Structure formats: structure tokens, C-alpha cells
Amino acid sequence: MELTPKQIVAELDRYIIGQDDAKRAVAIALRNRYRRSQLPDEIREEITPKNIIMQGPTGVGKTEIARRLAKLVKAPFVKVEATKFTEVGYVGRDVESMIRDLAEVAIRLVKDERMALIEESSRKVAEKKIVDAITAARKKRLIDYSEEAIRAGVESELKEGKLDGHMLEIEVDESSKPMEIIPGSGAEINLGDIFGSMMPKRKKKRKVTVKEAIKILTDEESEKHIDMDSIYAEGLRRAEQDGIIFIDEIDKIASAGGAGKSGPDVSREGVQRDILPIVEGCTVMTKYGAIKTDYILFIASGAFHVSSVHDLIPELQGRFPIRVELKSLTAKDFVNIFTVPENAITRQYWHMLHVDNVNLIFTEDAIEEMSEIAALENESGEDIGARRLHTVMESLLEDLSFNAGGDHPMIDVTIDKKYVDEHLSKEVRKHDLKKYIL
């Protein structure tokens, strides 16, 4: 079932605090894809995605929104940094590599889906091979027992997981690794694939645990029963129709003060001009076939501290008609980030220290105090958004993390306002002194 914009925003709210404008924009863009897919072919061809540009400081959720969005709909998703690309004619990654990466992701996505469908039957075949091998080895030692009795015992042990750590030697296909044609270009060639049809596949012996062997043999068995040509075709179709490319740090290739300048900023404008045809819509050749970029959804983001969106070349601006501004996070937002999301940072640390028999208990006043300190740190220094919370938590729990060893029974440690003030005294003192500085 396709999600409505309200349902998409509700799902994003589980992991991302605030930034309602950005969530609404991406939710509408995603729903428009579904609406487009339901139209007749002649109308569908005319409708292209409305690309989005997100403007806001680092650590406020720009990348997380795009990543969660792709995960939500199982769409092929690639995140690239605009600063990694170089102008045509220079050594480095060319802009078309983002489309090649998207094709790889889409094909892997389809392949994983197909392999999941036949995993159960493949696993049974893999388990039978392992049972045969262990039964044959035991039969040499247990001469007095019948093969059926030994096999029944091995099957029972395997089912109960008693053999998981047992070592055995298996034969696996030797795979050749692809080589890059030009270092850094992303274009690869696999000599094994080229000469594979002429020569038989080489085998190699590996000594692994039974648990690892089941996985390796299950994957090998599944590979035999999937049609790679149909996977490539479906992967390319998904990359074209459902692909999402997130271009981060786009502000770093914008020339402050606008285009038309000479000097070192010329190469930045060159990268923009190289990205332009990809976003406008063109055909890119990959090793699996051609991909049209017309219907890929592009989401760009940047802090735009030094430059502004208007410093991008006009043609590129025109290809990102939807612009949303993400706001800096406040102390109130930090309180919610500490407590509301399913992957809240306090829960992450609770789980990690629970391994060493430490049960963390955070009080409300402690969370409020940590949030205030994080907000003040962002105001007085660089605004790094929610990433500041990791700095605060690491400083707060440094002694506890260092001394916890797991060689003691479970102990409760209450993190209250007093504990926070004692362990973050440097930060608190620094902000108390600020009121005396004119």
C-alpha cells in the first residue's frame, strides 16, 4: 500500500524532530511519484519530479530526512558530496558516477528481494550438504553406529545450534575482483566476467564455522536459481523511475558573489555545469545498460553560510523548483531528540552500557540541563546542530564508559542535574562567565 503524505510525515516524525516544512515537501514529492505511476503512459512521460533543495545549518536533519525517506519506500538511494566531483578534464570522480552508483544500489536491492524469496529452499539444500559432510566424517570414527542414526544426531544438533561454532572445510567459487580503469573514476572492468565463459570456474577451499558455511552455501545455491538478466532489467527500471539521489554540500560548489568571476572559483562553476545535464535529464551508460535520468528525484542540500542559493548558476537553480529552509535546533528540540525518537541517543547509550551491567536512568532535569548546555555551545561556537548532543553525551559518560567492565552485577546509575553539573563543569563554568564579558 502506498503511503499518503500525512503517513509519510508521521513515519519521519518517529526519527526526526521538527523541520515540518522539509518533511511536507519530501512527502508530497514522494506521493507525486505514486500519482504519476497511476497515469496513462502518454501523460506519465510528460511529468518529471520536482527536485528539492534544502537550506540549513549542519546537523539539523537534512541527510536523515532523505535517507529515511528512501528506506521507507525501499527506493534506490545514493548520497553523494558535490565537493567530490571535479570538472571534466581533471583527474577525479566524474558526475556520471552518481548514476552508476544508483544502478548498483538498485540492482543489489532487487537481487536481495529475489534471493529472500528462495532463501528457505536454498538454506535446506545448504544444510543437507553440511549434514552429509559431517555425517561422512563421523562415520569414519563411529563404525558401530548406523549412518541413519549418525545423520539423525547431526540434524538434531544442527537444528539446536550446537554445531554453530564447529569448524569445517568447504569448497566455494573463487570470485574475481573488478579493477578501476582510471583510479578515482568509478569505471570498473572485471576480467573474470569477460573470460568466465571460456574457462571453468575456479574453486578454493575455505575453513569456516558451520554458521558461516550455511550462509555461504545458501547464497551460492540462491545464485544458481535467480535470473540475473531480469534482475538487471528490473534494477535499471527502478533506478530510472524510483531512484533518489541526495547531493550534499552543494553550497561548496557555489561561487560566493555569483557566477561570472575569474580565478579559482571557475572550477566550481564547471562542476555545476557538469551536474546540470544529469539533473535536467540525459542518458548515462552503465555496465548494465543505459539509464535515463529524467525521472530520478534529486534532493540537494547545503548550509549556505558563505554563499546563497542564488549564487548557483541560474540553470541549476531552475532545476530545483522546491526550496525549504531548515531551522537551527533549540534547547526544546534537543529535549525531544533525547527522548522521543525510536533511536534516541539516550536509548543508544543505555543499550551500550547495559552490555557492561550498567543500567542508566536519565531524569527529566538532567535531560533539560544537557539540552541547555548543547544549545549554548552551538550559540557560542559553531552551530553543529544535533551532532553537539554526541559531544555532550561522550563528555558526560566518559568516566562511566571507561570504568564499566562487566565484571560486576547490574548496577543502577542515575543521571540527574547534579551529575550533569559535576561532569560537565567546564562547559557550565564557561557559560556562567559569559554574563560578565561585555
Foldseek 3Di string as FASTA:
>chain_A
DDDALVVQLVQLVQAAFDPVVVSSVVSVQRVVLVVLVPDDPVVSVVDAGQAEEEAAFAARQQVVSQVVSCVVVVAQEAEAELVQDWFPPDPAEHPLLRLQSSLVSLLVSLLVVLLVVCLVVLLVVLVVVVLVVVLVVVCVVCVVDDSVVSSVVSVVCVVVVVQQQPKDKDKDFDAFDWDAPGPNHNATDTVCVVCVVVDPTDIDMDIDGSNVSSVRSSVVSSVVVDDSLVSSVSSLVSCQSRAEYEHEALLVLFDAPAPDDDDPSVRSLSSLVSCLCLLCWDWDAYPSGIHISRHYHYYYYHHQPRHDLRSHPPSSSVSNVHYDYRYADALVSQLCLCPRHPPRPVVVVQVVLVQLQEHEAEDSQLSSLLSHLLRVCVVVDPRNGPVSSVVLVCQLCVVVVVPRDSPDHRDYDYRHNVSSCVSVVVSVVVVVCVVVDD
